[in-house]
Amino acid sequence: MAKDDYGPHGATSLAIDGEDNVYISDGRSHQIRKFTKDGRLLNSWGGYGNGIGEFDGPWGITCDCQGYVYVADFKNHRIQKFSSAGEWVTQFGNSGSEAATLFRPTDVAVDPEGDVYVTDWGSNGVNPGRVQIYDFEGNFIAHLMGDCVDLSKWAQAQVDANPDTEKARRIVPSLEPQWRFALPTGIVFDPSNSRFLVSERPRHRVQIYNKLKDYQEAPINL
């Protein structure tokens, strides 16, 4: 496999807006297609490239409550935002490993307040994966590296079935790496419970975070 021959190919994700229109990201044609709920094509936009409105392997896609469409532009290391008609609005992130940057974003979600959550695959050898959070204007808010101390029941079953794996886990200096995200590929915001869910295929689990409102940091001298 060539160095850059991975990522989305073909139809990779879909989203449904408030009028039941369906948006599909196509990683092979590097386009977004919009259909009615009965399958009639309404519009398509995009094409291969790294300019405004172009894509290199579009993956996750979502719509916010105002009808805007957000696309995880995987190999261009950014999120692009469009109107429901496909008109380019803005973009979030750029390539890098620093706090506010992206590297191989796979999915995107938006909460009712307009905050944007991105699963960043992080396959640049620096970050094994993370969730980047931006406000509605694209300003960086925070990033999460993963906090799940326990294995999922499926991963635990694999460990229990392999004595050598269990032995290896007992002698490593720290199990902290298993808390962290590993190539996160999906994210969705659950507005009814004010939380977002992140899927990790290599870890066989979903990590769930509650969005805390009116949060205030405690003084560091307490």
Foldseek 3Di string as FASTA:
>chain_A
DDPPPDADAAWAEWEAAPQRWIWTQHQNQQKIWIAHNVGHTDDMFEGDDQDQRHAHRWHAWYAANVQKIWIQRFQQFKIWIAHNRSHTDDIAAGDDDDWRHAHGWAYWEAANQQKIWTWGCPPPVPQQTKIWIAHNVRHTDGIGFFADPDADPVVVVVCVVDVVSVVVVVPDPDPVVLRGAGRWHDKYADHVQQKMWIDHVVRRDIDIDHDDPPDDDDDPVD
